[in-house]
Protein backbone atom coordinates (compact mmCIF):
# COMPACT_ATOMS: atom_id res chain seq x y z
CA MET A 1 77.58 -6.90 -31.91
CA LYS A 2 76.48 -3.41 -30.92
CA SER A 3 73.11 -4.61 -29.65
CA GLY A 4 74.80 -7.26 -27.51
CA LEU A 5 77.09 -4.64 -26.01
CA ILE A 6 74.16 -2.32 -25.32
CA ILE A 7 72.18 -5.09 -23.64
CA PHE A 8 75.20 -6.04 -21.55
CA LEU A 9 75.69 -2.41 -20.47
CA LEU A 10 72.00 -2.04 -19.58
CA VAL A 11 72.00 -5.21 -17.51
CA PHE A 12 75.22 -4.13 -15.80
CA LEU A 13 73.78 -0.69 -15.09
CA VAL A 14 70.60 -2.15 -13.58
CA PHE A 15 72.58 -4.46 -11.30
CA ALA A 16 75.00 -1.69 -10.34
CA LEU A 17 72.20 0.76 -9.58
CA GLN A 18 70.33 -1.81 -7.50
CA GLN A 19 73.20 -1.78 -5.02
CA MET A 20 72.77 1.93 -4.36
CA PRO A 21 70.37 2.65 -1.45
CA VAL A 22 68.37 5.32 -3.31
CA PHE A 23 67.69 3.09 -6.26
CA TYR A 24 67.07 0.08 -4.02
CA ARG A 25 64.26 1.99 -2.27
CA LEU A 26 62.89 3.16 -5.61
CA PHE A 27 62.84 -0.36 -7.03
CA SER A 28 61.38 -1.88 -3.86
CA ASP A 29 58.63 0.78 -3.75
CA THR A 30 57.84 0.11 -7.39
CA GLN A 31 57.77 -3.61 -6.78
CA THR A 32 55.46 -3.16 -3.79
CA GLU A 33 53.10 -0.97 -5.80
CA LEU A 34 53.07 -3.48 -8.67
CA VAL A 35 52.30 -6.39 -6.33
CA MET A 36 49.50 -4.41 -4.69
CA TRP A 37 48.08 -3.46 -8.09
CA LEU A 38 48.14 -7.06 -9.32
CA GLY A 39 46.49 -8.21 -6.09
CA ASP A 40 43.77 -5.59 -6.52
CA ALA A 41 43.20 -6.72 -10.09
CA ARG A 42 42.80 -10.33 -8.93
CA LYS A 43 40.41 -9.29 -6.16
CA TYR A 44 38.43 -7.20 -8.67
CA ARG A 45 37.93 -10.25 -10.87
CA GLU A 46 36.94 -12.40 -7.89
CA ASN A 47 34.46 -9.79 -6.66
CA LYS A 48 32.95 -9.48 -10.12
CA VAL A 49 32.45 -13.25 -10.37
CA LEU A 50 31.08 -13.36 -6.80
CA ARG A 51 28.54 -10.64 -7.65
CA LYS A 52 27.49 -12.52 -10.79
CA LEU A 53 27.15 -15.76 -8.82
CA HIS A 54 25.10 -13.97 -6.15
CA GLU A 55 22.79 -12.44 -8.80
CA ASP A 56 22.29 -15.81 -10.53
CA ILE A 57 21.53 -17.59 -7.28
CA GLU A 58 19.35 -14.79 -5.90
CA SER A 59 17.12 -14.82 -8.97
CA THR A 60 16.75 -18.59 -8.65
CA PHE A 61 15.92 -18.37 -4.95
CA GLU A 62 13.14 -15.78 -5.28
CA GLY A 63 10.55 -16.09 -2.56
CA ASN A 64 13.09 -16.81 0.17
CA ASN A 65 12.69 -15.13 3.53
CA GLU A 66 15.00 -12.37 4.79
CA ALA A 67 17.18 -14.78 6.79
CA GLN A 68 17.84 -16.88 3.70
CA VAL A 69 18.69 -13.81 1.62
CA ALA A 70 21.08 -12.53 4.34
CA TYR A 71 22.70 -15.98 4.54
CA LEU A 72 23.15 -16.06 0.76
CA GLU A 73 24.81 -12.62 0.88
CA LYS A 74 27.16 -13.83 3.62
CA VAL A 75 28.15 -16.95 1.67
CA THR A 76 28.81 -15.02 -1.54
CA LYS A 77 30.62 -12.15 0.18
CA ASN A 78 34.12 -13.58 -0.42
CA THR A 79 35.86 -16.69 -1.70
CA GLU A 80 36.75 -17.89 1.80
CA ASN A 81 33.08 -18.05 2.83
CA LEU A 82 32.19 -19.68 -0.48
CA ALA A 83 34.92 -22.33 -0.09
CA THR A 84 33.79 -23.09 3.46
CA PHE A 85 30.18 -23.44 2.32
CA TYR A 86 31.23 -25.72 -0.55
CA ARG A 87 33.37 -27.90 1.69
CA LEU A 88 30.68 -28.27 4.36
CA TYR A 89 27.49 -28.60 2.34
CA CYS A 90 28.42 -29.59 -1.20
CA VAL A 91 31.23 -32.04 -0.47
CA GLY A 92 30.49 -32.84 3.17
CA ALA A 93 27.32 -34.32 4.57
CA ASP A 94 26.34 -31.39 6.80
CA LYS A 95 22.75 -30.20 6.64
CA ASN A 96 22.16 -26.56 5.79
CA PRO A 97 19.03 -24.99 7.35
CA PHE A 98 18.80 -22.25 4.70
CA ILE A 99 19.69 -23.93 1.41
CA TYR A 100 18.79 -27.57 0.83
CA GLY A 101 17.46 -30.04 -1.72
CA ALA A 102 17.43 -29.03 -5.37
CA LYS A 103 18.44 -25.44 -4.53
CA LEU A 104 21.55 -26.68 -2.71
CA HIS A 105 22.45 -28.94 -5.62
CA TYR A 106 22.00 -26.05 -8.09
CA PHE A 107 24.05 -23.68 -5.90
CA CYS A 108 26.87 -26.22 -5.65
CA GLU A 109 26.91 -26.63 -9.43
CA ARG A 110 27.07 -22.85 -9.90
CA ILE A 111 29.96 -22.60 -7.43
CA VAL A 112 31.96 -25.16 -9.39
CA LYS A 113 31.15 -23.48 -12.74
CA SER A 114 32.19 -20.07 -11.38
CA GLY A 115 35.78 -21.30 -11.02
CA LEU A 116 36.24 -19.37 -7.76
CA ILE A 117 37.28 -22.39 -5.74
CA LYS A 118 39.48 -25.32 -6.52
CA VAL A 119 37.51 -28.53 -6.53
């Protein structure tokens, strides 16, 4: 009984305080900070997986010229570039002047296994 009353009072207090401008700003600032922190954590994970993917692919593509290496860095820079590459060259029938044949097939497989894009 007492715990139910305490919970009710706490919930009531939170709702009552939310209506006050000072507490509204405090809660909204906290919420904004939390959302930004969670977004940063998600981006950190994505960047870590992108770096790992880039390292795996780069070691496989040893002997490539500077233009190919720069192109690979551009593709693995962010998930948007990676998704565009996948859509155009792995799913679509476009020809890629830098990555083709068995290397393209391997790269496409690694993209899918990374889990960075939805297939």
